Amino acid sequence: MALRDYSPMSAALLQPGVGYAQPSQVVPEKAALDDPAVNVMTDLTRVTAVIILPGDTVDEAHRRMMQRGVRLLLVVDQDRKVLGLITATDILGEKPVLAASERGLRREEVMVRDIMTPQERLEVLAMTDVRAAKVGHVVATLQKAGRQHAVVVDHDGMGRQTVRGLFSATQIARQLGVAILTSEVARTFSEIESMLAR
């Protein structure tokens, strides 16, 4: 076949106010402790990860979280390699104030790199384990670690990791139908257990 065998497609002008397609994951509204764990995981093959650079300010990270309705950002380098993560708890807690005081900066000068959890300190769950797990396993894992979030990785044939998904205590509690009244994970999940036991 030659190029002359193809006719050009017709084009039109882009209309004003047009949005753009974005990956969407339909998360079930309700979940139970014995449901598959993948039902409560944010799957980054279906939802675009919200990212930030380490040299961006903490205030910019907070704005991005507010705009995107998330409480965790992946911190990436120019090649989109994961350097760590930053959470709303990091930003709204004492970390920015401590970092500013230690470095002699103003609060608005504190960078993401100053308060993020670096890659070498991130504990991750394997996607193979997550596929076999139930929501209750994820809740127990977050509770034991005392964390609001968990990162899930896939492994390629060479054993290299790729960040595949995220678990959020807030999202899981919402799907279990239990309101979260505190950011303390251990207390939150003991409240969930008592409410689900009723």
N, C-alpha and C. Protein backbone atom coordinates (compact mmCIF):
# COMPACT_ATOMS: atom_id res chain seq x y z
N MET A 1 0.83 -1.19 0.00
CA MET A 1 0.00 0.00 0.00
C MET A 1 0.87 1.25 0.00
N ALA A 2 0.43 2.24 -0.72
CA ALA A 2 1.14 3.52 -0.79
C ALA A 2 0.30 4.58 -0.10
N LEU A 3 0.92 5.70 0.20
CA LEU A 3 0.23 6.79 0.88
C LEU A 3 -0.98 7.26 0.09
N ARG A 4 -0.93 7.20 -1.23
CA ARG A 4 -2.06 7.68 -2.03
C ARG A 4 -3.32 6.83 -1.80
N ASP A 5 -3.18 5.66 -1.19
CA ASP A 5 -4.34 4.81 -0.91
C ASP A 5 -5.12 5.27 0.33
N TYR A 6 -4.60 6.30 1.01
CA TYR A 6 -5.25 6.80 2.21
C TYR A 6 -5.75 8.21 1.98
N SER A 7 -7.00 8.46 2.35
CA SER A 7 -7.51 9.83 2.20
C SER A 7 -7.38 10.54 3.55
N PRO A 8 -7.11 11.86 3.52
CA PRO A 8 -6.97 12.60 4.77
C PRO A 8 -8.31 12.66 5.52
N MET A 9 -8.21 12.72 6.85
CA MET A 9 -9.41 12.84 7.68
C MET A 9 -9.82 14.30 7.72
N SER A 10 -11.10 14.53 7.95
CA SER A 10 -11.54 15.92 8.05
C SER A 10 -11.25 16.44 9.45
N ALA A 11 -10.91 17.71 9.55
CA ALA A 11 -10.57 18.33 10.82
C ALA A 11 -11.52 19.48 11.11
N ALA A 12 -11.64 19.83 12.37
CA ALA A 12 -12.47 20.96 12.78
C ALA A 12 -11.68 21.74 13.83
N LEU A 13 -12.14 22.94 14.15
CA LEU A 13 -11.49 23.74 15.18
C LEU A 13 -11.93 23.29 16.57
N LEU A 14 -11.02 23.35 17.51
CA LEU A 14 -11.33 23.00 18.89
C LEU A 14 -12.28 24.04 19.46
N GLN A 15 -13.33 23.57 20.10
CA GLN A 15 -14.30 24.48 20.70
C GLN A 15 -13.74 25.08 21.99
N PRO A 16 -14.21 26.27 22.36
CA PRO A 16 -13.73 26.87 23.62
C PRO A 16 -14.24 26.09 24.83
N GLY A 17 -13.46 26.10 25.88
CA GLY A 17 -13.88 25.49 27.14
C GLY A 17 -13.88 23.97 27.14
N VAL A 18 -13.12 23.35 26.24
CA VAL A 18 -13.10 21.89 26.15
C VAL A 18 -12.14 21.33 27.19
N GLY A 19 -12.55 20.27 27.87
CA GLY A 19 -11.67 19.58 28.81
C GLY A 19 -10.87 18.52 28.05
N TYR A 20 -10.26 17.63 28.78
CA TYR A 20 -9.49 16.55 28.15
C TYR A 20 -9.75 15.25 28.89
N ALA A 21 -9.59 14.15 28.17
CA ALA A 21 -9.83 12.83 28.75
C ALA A 21 -8.75 12.51 29.77
N GLN A 22 -9.16 11.91 30.85
CA GLN A 22 -8.23 11.48 31.87
C GLN A 22 -8.60 10.07 32.29
N PRO A 23 -7.60 9.27 32.67
CA PRO A 23 -7.94 7.92 33.11
C PRO A 23 -8.89 7.99 34.29
N SER A 24 -9.82 7.08 34.34
CA SER A 24 -10.74 7.09 35.47
C SER A 24 -10.87 5.69 36.03
N GLN A 25 -10.83 5.62 37.33
CA GLN A 25 -11.05 4.36 38.02
C GLN A 25 -12.34 4.53 38.78
N VAL A 26 -13.26 3.62 38.57
CA VAL A 26 -14.50 3.68 39.31
C VAL A 26 -14.29 2.88 40.59
N VAL A 27 -14.24 3.61 41.69
CA VAL A 27 -14.02 2.96 42.99
C VAL A 27 -15.39 2.63 43.57
N PRO A 28 -15.58 1.37 43.99
CA PRO A 28 -16.87 1.03 44.59
C PRO A 28 -17.16 1.92 45.78
N GLU A 29 -18.41 2.35 45.89
CA GLU A 29 -18.77 3.24 47.01
C GLU A 29 -18.69 2.52 48.34
N LYS A 30 -19.03 1.25 48.35
CA LYS A 30 -19.05 0.48 49.59
C LYS A 30 -18.05 -0.66 49.50
N ALA A 31 -17.47 -0.99 50.63
CA ALA A 31 -16.56 -2.12 50.71
C ALA A 31 -16.77 -2.79 52.06
N ALA A 32 -16.37 -4.04 52.13
CA ALA A 32 -16.40 -4.79 53.38
C ALA A 32 -15.00 -5.34 53.63
N LEU A 33 -14.72 -5.71 54.88
CA LEU A 33 -13.39 -6.18 55.22
C LEU A 33 -12.98 -7.43 54.44
N ASP A 34 -13.97 -8.24 54.02
CA ASP A 34 -13.63 -9.47 53.29
C ASP A 34 -13.66 -9.30 51.77
N ASP A 35 -13.83 -8.05 51.28
CA ASP A 35 -13.75 -7.78 49.84
C ASP A 35 -12.29 -7.84 49.39
N PRO A 36 -12.05 -8.06 48.09
CA PRO A 36 -10.67 -8.04 47.59
C PRO A 36 -10.01 -6.68 47.84
N ALA A 37 -8.76 -6.71 48.27
CA ALA A 37 -8.02 -5.48 48.57
C ALA A 37 -7.94 -4.55 47.36
N VAL A 38 -7.86 -5.13 46.16
CA VAL A 38 -7.75 -4.27 44.96
C VAL A 38 -8.96 -3.36 44.81
N ASN A 39 -10.09 -3.70 45.43
CA ASN A 39 -11.29 -2.85 45.35
C ASN A 39 -11.10 -1.50 46.03
N VAL A 40 -10.15 -1.40 46.96
CA VAL A 40 -9.95 -0.14 47.68
C VAL A 40 -8.58 0.48 47.35
N MET A 41 -7.89 -0.07 46.36
CA MET A 41 -6.59 0.47 45.95
C MET A 41 -6.77 1.47 44.82
N THR A 42 -6.07 2.60 44.89
CA THR A 42 -6.00 3.52 43.76
C THR A 42 -4.98 2.91 42.81
N ASP A 43 -5.47 2.46 41.65
CA ASP A 43 -4.64 1.75 40.67
C ASP A 43 -4.06 2.76 39.68
N LEU A 44 -2.74 2.93 39.72
CA LEU A 44 -2.10 3.95 38.90
C LEU A 44 -2.01 3.56 37.42
N THR A 45 -2.50 2.37 37.06
CA THR A 45 -2.65 2.06 35.64
C THR A 45 -3.99 2.58 35.13
N ARG A 46 -4.86 3.01 36.08
CA ARG A 46 -6.19 3.49 35.70
C ARG A 46 -6.47 4.92 36.15
N VAL A 47 -5.63 5.45 37.02
CA VAL A 47 -5.76 6.82 37.54
C VAL A 47 -4.37 7.45 37.47
N THR A 48 -4.30 8.66 36.96
CA THR A 48 -3.01 9.34 36.87
C THR A 48 -2.51 9.72 38.25
N ALA A 49 -1.27 9.36 38.54
CA ALA A 49 -0.66 9.73 39.82
C ALA A 49 -0.51 11.25 39.86
N VAL A 50 -0.74 11.83 41.03
CA VAL A 50 -0.52 13.26 41.22
C VAL A 50 0.90 13.40 41.74
N ILE A 51 1.71 14.17 41.01
CA ILE A 51 3.14 14.25 41.31
C ILE A 51 3.59 15.67 41.62
N ILE A 52 4.77 15.75 42.20
CA ILE A 52 5.38 17.05 42.50
C ILE A 52 6.90 16.87 42.44
N LEU A 53 7.60 17.95 42.19
CA LEU A 53 9.07 17.92 42.15
C LEU A 53 9.63 18.24 43.53
N PRO A 54 10.81 17.71 43.87
CA PRO A 54 11.37 17.97 45.20
C PRO A 54 11.69 19.44 45.45
N GLY A 55 11.95 20.21 44.38
CA GLY A 55 12.27 21.62 44.53
C GLY A 55 11.07 22.54 44.57
N ASP A 56 9.87 21.97 44.47
CA ASP A 56 8.65 22.78 44.61
C ASP A 56 8.44 23.10 46.08
N THR A 57 7.74 24.19 46.34
CA THR A 57 7.49 24.57 47.75
C THR A 57 6.42 23.68 48.36
N VAL A 58 6.44 23.62 49.67
CA VAL A 58 5.43 22.88 50.41
C VAL A 58 4.05 23.50 50.15
N ASP A 59 3.99 24.82 50.01
CA ASP A 59 2.72 25.48 49.72
C ASP A 59 2.17 25.05 48.35
N GLU A 60 3.06 24.89 47.36
CA GLU A 60 2.64 24.41 46.05
C GLU A 60 2.12 22.99 46.16
N ALA A 61 2.77 22.15 46.95
CA ALA A 61 2.31 20.77 47.16
C ALA A 61 0.91 20.77 47.77
N HIS A 62 0.70 21.65 48.74
CA HIS A 62 -0.62 21.73 49.38
C HIS A 62 -1.69 22.19 48.39
N ARG A 63 -1.35 23.19 47.56
CA ARG A 63 -2.30 23.65 46.53
C ARG A 63 -2.66 22.51 45.59
N ARG A 64 -1.66 21.74 45.16
CA ARG A 64 -1.91 20.64 44.24
C ARG A 64 -2.82 19.59 44.88
N MET A 65 -2.59 19.29 46.14
CA MET A 65 -3.46 18.34 46.84
C MET A 65 -4.90 18.84 46.87
N MET A 66 -5.06 20.11 47.19
CA MET A 66 -6.40 20.69 47.25
C MET A 66 -7.09 20.63 45.88
N GLN A 67 -6.35 21.00 44.82
CA GLN A 67 -6.91 21.01 43.47
C GLN A 67 -7.34 19.61 43.03
N ARG A 68 -6.53 18.61 43.36
CA ARG A 68 -6.79 17.26 42.89
C ARG A 68 -7.57 16.39 43.88
N GLY A 69 -7.84 16.93 45.08
CA GLY A 69 -8.62 16.18 46.06
C GLY A 69 -7.89 14.95 46.58
N VAL A 70 -6.57 15.06 46.76
CA VAL A 70 -5.78 13.94 47.28
C VAL A 70 -5.02 14.40 48.52
N ARG A 71 -4.51 13.43 49.27
CA ARG A 71 -3.76 13.74 50.49
C ARG A 71 -2.34 13.20 50.41
N LEU A 72 -1.92 12.76 49.20
CA LEU A 72 -0.57 12.23 49.01
C LEU A 72 -0.11 12.57 47.60
N LEU A 73 1.14 13.00 47.49
CA LEU A 73 1.75 13.26 46.18
C LEU A 73 3.00 12.41 46.07
N LEU A 74 3.22 11.84 44.89
CA LEU A 74 4.50 11.19 44.63
C LEU A 74 5.50 12.28 44.28
N VAL A 75 6.67 12.23 44.90
CA VAL A 75 7.73 13.18 44.58
C VAL A 75 8.62 12.51 43.54
N VAL A 76 8.77 13.17 42.38
CA VAL A 76 9.51 12.57 41.28
C VAL A 76 10.60 13.52 40.79
N ASP A 77 11.60 12.93 40.10
CA ASP A 77 12.64 13.75 39.49
C ASP A 77 12.23 14.13 38.06
N GLN A 78 13.12 14.78 37.33
CA GLN A 78 12.80 15.23 35.97
C GLN A 78 12.48 14.07 35.03
N ASP A 79 12.98 12.87 35.36
CA ASP A 79 12.72 11.68 34.53
C ASP A 79 11.53 10.88 35.05
N ARG A 80 10.79 11.47 35.98
CA ARG A 80 9.61 10.85 36.59
C ARG A 80 9.93 9.57 37.36
N LYS A 81 11.13 9.52 37.93
CA LYS A 81 11.51 8.43 38.83
C LYS A 81 11.10 8.86 40.24
N VAL A 82 10.53 7.93 41.00
CA VAL A 82 10.00 8.25 42.32
C VAL A 82 11.15 8.46 43.32
N LEU A 83 11.15 9.64 43.92
CA LEU A 83 12.15 10.00 44.92
C LEU A 83 11.61 9.87 46.34
N GLY A 84 10.27 9.83 46.47
CA GLY A 84 9.64 9.74 47.78
C GLY A 84 8.19 10.13 47.68
N LEU A 85 7.61 10.47 48.82
CA LEU A 85 6.23 10.96 48.82
C LEU A 85 6.06 12.00 49.90
N ILE A 86 5.02 12.78 49.74
CA ILE A 86 4.68 13.81 50.73
C ILE A 86 3.18 13.73 50.96
N THR A 87 2.77 13.84 52.22
CA THR A 87 1.36 13.73 52.56
C THR A 87 0.83 15.03 53.15
N ALA A 88 -0.48 15.12 53.22
CA ALA A 88 -1.10 16.29 53.83
C ALA A 88 -0.69 16.41 55.29
N THR A 89 -0.52 15.27 55.96
CA THR A 89 -0.08 15.29 57.35
C THR A 89 1.30 15.91 57.47
N ASP A 90 2.20 15.58 56.51
CA ASP A 90 3.53 16.19 56.49
C ASP A 90 3.42 17.71 56.39
N ILE A 91 2.58 18.16 55.47
CA ILE A 91 2.47 19.59 55.17
C ILE A 91 1.79 20.37 56.28
N LEU A 92 0.72 19.79 56.84
CA LEU A 92 -0.08 20.51 57.82
C LEU A 92 0.40 20.31 59.26
N GLY A 93 1.35 19.39 59.45
CA GLY A 93 1.89 19.13 60.78
C GLY A 93 3.04 20.06 61.10
N GLU A 94 3.92 19.59 61.97
CA GLU A 94 5.02 20.43 62.44
C GLU A 94 6.25 20.37 61.55
N LYS A 95 6.30 19.45 60.59
CA LYS A 95 7.50 19.28 59.76
C LYS A 95 7.95 20.57 59.06
N PRO A 96 7.05 21.34 58.42
CA PRO A 96 7.51 22.56 57.76
C PRO A 96 8.11 23.58 58.73
N VAL A 97 7.52 23.70 59.90
CA VAL A 97 8.01 24.65 60.90
C VAL A 97 9.39 24.23 61.39
N LEU A 98 9.55 22.93 61.67
CA LEU A 98 10.85 22.42 62.12
C LEU A 98 11.92 22.60 61.04
N ALA A 99 11.55 22.27 59.78
CA ALA A 99 12.50 22.41 58.67
C ALA A 99 12.92 23.88 58.50
N ALA A 100 11.95 24.79 58.60
CA ALA A 100 12.25 26.22 58.46
C ALA A 100 13.18 26.67 59.57
N SER A 101 12.91 26.24 60.78
CA SER A 101 13.73 26.66 61.92
C SER A 101 15.14 26.07 61.83
N GLU A 102 15.25 24.80 61.44
CA GLU A 102 16.57 24.16 61.31
C GLU A 102 17.42 24.80 60.23
N ARG A 103 16.79 25.24 59.14
CA ARG A 103 17.55 25.75 58.00
C ARG A 103 17.58 27.29 57.95
N GLY A 104 16.93 27.93 58.91
CA GLY A 104 16.92 29.39 58.92
C GLY A 104 16.12 29.97 57.76
N LEU A 105 15.01 29.28 57.40
CA LEU A 105 14.16 29.71 56.29
C LEU A 105 12.85 30.28 56.81
N ARG A 106 12.16 30.99 55.94
CA ARG A 106 10.77 31.35 56.24
C ARG A 106 9.91 30.15 55.86
N ARG A 107 8.77 30.01 56.48
CA ARG A 107 7.87 28.87 56.25
C ARG A 107 7.59 28.68 54.75
N GLU A 108 7.37 29.79 54.04
CA GLU A 108 7.02 29.69 52.60
C GLU A 108 8.21 29.30 51.72
N GLU A 109 9.41 29.25 52.30
CA GLU A 109 10.60 28.83 51.55
C GLU A 109 10.89 27.33 51.68
N VAL A 110 10.14 26.66 52.53
CA VAL A 110 10.38 25.23 52.75
C VAL A 110 9.98 24.46 51.50
N MET A 111 10.87 23.57 51.07
CA MET A 111 10.66 22.79 49.85
C MET A 111 10.15 21.38 50.20
N VAL A 112 9.56 20.76 49.19
CA VAL A 112 9.07 19.39 49.33
C VAL A 112 10.19 18.48 49.83
N ARG A 113 11.40 18.64 49.27
CA ARG A 113 12.53 17.77 49.64
C ARG A 113 12.87 17.86 51.13
N ASP A 114 12.52 19.00 51.74
CA ASP A 114 12.85 19.22 53.15
C ASP A 114 12.00 18.37 54.10
N ILE A 115 10.81 17.99 53.67
CA ILE A 115 9.91 17.28 54.60
C ILE A 115 9.34 15.98 54.05
N MET A 116 9.66 15.62 52.81
CA MET A 116 9.10 14.40 52.22
C MET A 116 9.69 13.15 52.89
N THR A 117 9.00 12.03 52.72
CA THR A 117 9.56 10.74 53.11
C THR A 117 10.34 10.24 51.90
N PRO A 118 11.67 10.10 52.03
CA PRO A 118 12.48 9.72 50.88
C PRO A 118 12.29 8.25 50.50
N GLN A 119 12.56 7.94 49.26
CA GLN A 119 12.39 6.60 48.70
C GLN A 119 13.05 5.53 49.57
N GLU A 120 14.24 5.81 50.10
CA GLU A 120 14.94 4.77 50.86
C GLU A 120 14.27 4.44 52.19
N ARG A 121 13.29 5.25 52.61
CA ARG A 121 12.55 4.96 53.85
C ARG A 121 11.13 4.48 53.58
N LEU A 122 10.77 4.33 52.32
CA LEU A 122 9.40 3.91 51.97
C LEU A 122 9.27 2.40 51.98
N GLU A 123 8.40 1.89 52.83
CA GLU A 123 8.08 0.47 52.81
C GLU A 123 6.94 0.29 51.81
N VAL A 124 7.03 -0.77 51.01
CA VAL A 124 6.03 -0.99 49.96
C VAL A 124 5.45 -2.40 50.05
N LEU A 125 4.24 -2.54 49.53
CA LEU A 125 3.58 -3.84 49.43
C LEU A 125 3.70 -4.34 48.00
N ALA A 126 3.83 -5.64 47.83
CA ALA A 126 3.93 -6.24 46.49
C ALA A 126 2.54 -6.46 45.91
N MET A 127 2.36 -6.10 44.65
CA MET A 127 1.07 -6.27 43.98
C MET A 127 0.63 -7.73 44.00
N THR A 128 1.57 -8.67 43.92
CA THR A 128 1.19 -10.09 43.97
C THR A 128 0.52 -10.41 45.30
N ASP A 129 1.00 -9.82 46.40
CA ASP A 129 0.37 -10.04 47.71
C ASP A 129 -0.98 -9.34 47.78
N VAL A 130 -1.06 -8.13 47.21
CA VAL A 130 -2.30 -7.36 47.25
C VAL A 130 -3.41 -8.11 46.49
N ARG A 131 -3.06 -8.72 45.36
CA ARG A 131 -4.08 -9.46 44.59
C ARG A 131 -4.72 -10.58 45.40
N ALA A 132 -3.96 -11.16 46.33
CA ALA A 132 -4.46 -12.27 47.14
C ALA A 132 -5.07 -11.80 48.46
N ALA A 133 -4.96 -10.50 48.76
CA ALA A 133 -5.38 -9.97 50.07
C ALA A 133 -6.82 -9.47 50.05
N LYS A 134 -7.36 -9.32 51.25
CA LYS A 134 -8.68 -8.74 51.48
C LYS A 134 -8.50 -7.34 52.06
N VAL A 135 -9.58 -6.56 52.05
CA VAL A 135 -9.55 -5.21 52.62
C VAL A 135 -9.06 -5.26 54.07
N GLY A 136 -9.51 -6.25 54.82
CA GLY A 136 -9.11 -6.40 56.22
C GLY A 136 -7.61 -6.52 56.39
N HIS A 137 -6.94 -7.20 55.43
CA HIS A 137 -5.48 -7.31 55.50
C HIS A 137 -4.83 -5.93 55.36
N VAL A 138 -5.38 -5.10 54.47
CA VAL A 138 -4.83 -3.76 54.26
C VAL A 138 -5.03 -2.92 55.52
N VAL A 139 -6.24 -2.99 56.10
CA VAL A 139 -6.53 -2.25 57.33
C VAL A 139 -5.56 -2.66 58.43
N ALA A 140 -5.34 -3.98 58.59
CA ALA A 140 -4.42 -4.48 59.62
C ALA A 140 -3.00 -4.00 59.36
N THR A 141 -2.60 -3.96 58.09
CA THR A 141 -1.25 -3.52 57.72
C THR A 141 -1.05 -2.04 58.05
N LEU A 142 -2.03 -1.20 57.67
CA LEU A 142 -1.93 0.23 57.97
C LEU A 142 -1.94 0.46 59.48
N GLN A 143 -2.79 -0.29 60.17
CA GLN A 143 -2.89 -0.13 61.62
C GLN A 143 -1.57 -0.51 62.29
N LYS A 144 -0.98 -1.63 61.90
CA LYS A 144 0.27 -2.08 62.50
C LYS A 144 1.39 -1.07 62.24
N ALA A 145 1.42 -0.52 61.02
CA ALA A 145 2.47 0.44 60.66
C ALA A 145 2.19 1.84 61.23
N GLY A 146 0.94 2.09 61.65
CA GLY A 146 0.58 3.42 62.15
C GLY A 146 0.61 4.47 61.06
N ARG A 147 0.22 4.07 59.85
CA ARG A 147 0.29 4.96 58.69
C ARG A 147 -1.08 5.19 58.08
N GLN A 148 -1.18 6.33 57.38
CA GLN A 148 -2.40 6.68 56.65
C GLN A 148 -2.40 6.10 55.23
N HIS A 149 -1.20 5.81 54.69
CA HIS A 149 -1.09 5.37 53.30
C HIS A 149 -0.16 4.18 53.18
N ALA A 150 -0.36 3.41 52.10
CA ALA A 150 0.57 2.34 51.75
C ALA A 150 0.79 2.40 50.24
N VAL A 151 2.03 2.17 49.84
CA VAL A 151 2.41 2.17 48.43
C VAL A 151 2.51 0.72 47.97
N VAL A 152 1.97 0.46 46.76
CA VAL A 152 1.98 -0.89 46.18
C VAL A 152 2.88 -0.86 44.95
N VAL A 153 3.75 -1.87 44.83
CA VAL A 153 4.64 -1.94 43.67
C VAL A 153 4.42 -3.24 42.90
N ASP A 154 4.62 -3.14 41.59
CA ASP A 154 4.67 -4.30 40.70
C ASP A 154 6.14 -4.58 40.44
N HIS A 155 6.47 -5.82 40.12
CA HIS A 155 7.85 -6.19 39.77
C HIS A 155 7.86 -6.69 38.33
N ASP A 156 8.87 -6.26 37.57
CA ASP A 156 9.01 -6.78 36.21
C ASP A 156 9.82 -8.09 36.28
N GLY A 157 10.08 -8.68 35.14
CA GLY A 157 10.81 -9.95 35.08
C GLY A 157 12.21 -9.88 35.65
N MET A 158 12.77 -8.68 35.73
CA MET A 158 14.13 -8.48 36.25
C MET A 158 14.12 -8.12 37.74
N GLY A 159 12.92 -8.10 38.35
CA GLY A 159 12.82 -7.76 39.77
C GLY A 159 12.78 -6.27 40.06
N ARG A 160 12.73 -5.44 39.00
CA ARG A 160 12.66 -3.98 39.21
C ARG A 160 11.23 -3.60 39.59
N GLN A 161 11.14 -2.62 40.46
CA GLN A 161 9.84 -2.17 40.96
C GLN A 161 9.28 -1.01 40.13
N THR A 162 7.96 -0.98 40.06
CA THR A 162 7.22 0.17 39.53
C THR A 162 6.10 0.44 40.51
N VAL A 163 5.92 1.70 40.91
CA VAL A 163 4.80 2.03 41.80
C VAL A 163 3.50 1.80 41.02
N ARG A 164 2.67 0.91 41.54
CA ARG A 164 1.46 0.49 40.84
C ARG A 164 0.20 1.08 41.46
N GLY A 165 0.21 1.28 42.78
CA GLY A 165 -1.02 1.75 43.40
C GLY A 165 -0.78 2.31 44.80
N LEU A 166 -1.86 2.82 45.38
CA LEU A 166 -1.82 3.42 46.71
C LEU A 166 -3.05 3.02 47.50
N PHE A 167 -2.86 2.81 48.79
CA PHE A 167 -3.98 2.63 49.70
C PHE A 167 -4.04 3.85 50.59
N SER A 168 -5.25 4.33 50.87
CA SER A 168 -5.47 5.47 51.74
C SER A 168 -6.43 5.08 52.85
N ALA A 169 -6.02 5.28 54.11
CA ALA A 169 -6.88 4.96 55.24
C ALA A 169 -8.19 5.74 55.15
N THR A 170 -8.11 6.99 54.72
CA THR A 170 -9.31 7.83 54.62
C THR A 170 -10.29 7.25 53.60
N GLN A 171 -9.76 6.86 52.44
CA GLN A 171 -10.63 6.30 51.40
C GLN A 171 -11.23 4.96 51.85
N ILE A 172 -10.42 4.12 52.47
CA ILE A 172 -10.92 2.82 52.92
C ILE A 172 -12.02 3.02 53.96
N ALA A 173 -11.81 3.93 54.91
CA ALA A 173 -12.82 4.19 55.94
C ALA A 173 -14.12 4.68 55.30
N ARG A 174 -13.99 5.55 54.28
CA ARG A 174 -15.16 6.05 53.57
C ARG A 174 -15.91 4.88 52.91
N GLN A 175 -15.17 3.98 52.27
CA GLN A 175 -15.80 2.85 51.59
C GLN A 175 -16.39 1.84 52.58
N LEU A 176 -15.80 1.75 53.78
CA LEU A 176 -16.36 0.87 54.80
C LEU A 176 -17.58 1.52 55.46
N GLY A 177 -17.79 2.81 55.19
CA GLY A 177 -18.94 3.52 55.75
C GLY A 177 -18.73 3.99 57.17
N VAL A 178 -17.47 4.26 57.53
CA VAL A 178 -17.14 4.72 58.87
C VAL A 178 -16.46 6.07 58.76
N ALA A 179 -16.94 7.05 59.51
CA ALA A 179 -16.33 8.38 59.47
C ALA A 179 -15.01 8.37 60.21
N ILE A 180 -14.04 9.09 59.66
CA ILE A 180 -12.75 9.21 60.34
C ILE A 180 -12.76 10.50 61.13
N LEU A 181 -12.51 10.39 62.41
CA LEU A 181 -12.57 11.54 63.29
C LEU A 181 -11.19 12.04 63.69
N THR A 182 -10.16 11.28 63.34
CA THR A 182 -8.81 11.63 63.78
C THR A 182 -7.81 11.17 62.74
N SER A 183 -6.62 11.72 62.77
CA SER A 183 -5.60 11.29 61.82
C SER A 183 -4.74 10.18 62.40
N GLU A 184 -4.99 9.83 63.66
CA GLU A 184 -4.23 8.73 64.25
C GLU A 184 -4.77 7.41 63.72
N VAL A 185 -3.95 6.71 62.96
CA VAL A 185 -4.41 5.50 62.30
C VAL A 185 -4.84 4.44 63.30
N ALA A 186 -4.07 4.18 64.32
CA ALA A 186 -4.40 3.11 65.25
C ALA A 186 -5.76 3.36 65.89
N ARG A 187 -5.99 4.60 66.34
CA ARG A 187 -7.27 4.93 66.95
C ARG A 187 -8.39 4.86 65.92
N THR A 188 -8.12 5.35 64.73
CA THR A 188 -9.12 5.32 63.65
C THR A 188 -9.59 3.90 63.38
N PHE A 189 -8.62 2.99 63.22
CA PHE A 189 -9.01 1.64 62.86
C PHE A 189 -9.63 0.88 64.02
N SER A 190 -9.28 1.21 65.28
CA SER A 190 -9.98 0.57 66.38
C SER A 190 -11.42 1.07 66.42
N GLU A 191 -11.64 2.34 66.07
CA GLU A 191 -13.01 2.86 65.96
C GLU A 191 -13.77 2.15 64.86
N ILE A 192 -13.10 1.93 63.72
CA ILE A 192 -13.73 1.21 62.62
C ILE A 192 -14.14 -0.18 63.07
N GLU A 193 -13.22 -0.87 63.73
CA GLU A 193 -13.53 -2.23 64.19
C GLU A 193 -14.73 -2.26 65.11
N SER A 194 -14.80 -1.32 66.06
CA SER A 194 -15.92 -1.32 66.98
C SER A 194 -17.23 -0.98 66.26
N MET A 195 -17.18 -0.08 65.27
CA MET A 195 -18.40 0.28 64.55
C MET A 195 -18.86 -0.87 63.65
N LEU A 196 -17.90 -1.58 63.04
CA LEU A 196 -18.27 -2.70 62.17
C LEU A 196 -18.76 -3.89 62.98
N ALA A 197 -18.36 -3.99 64.22
CA ALA A 197 -18.75 -5.11 65.08
C ALA A 197 -20.20 -4.99 65.56
N ARG A 198 -20.77 -3.80 65.44
CA ARG A 198 -22.14 -3.58 65.95
C ARG A 198 -23.17 -4.29 65.12
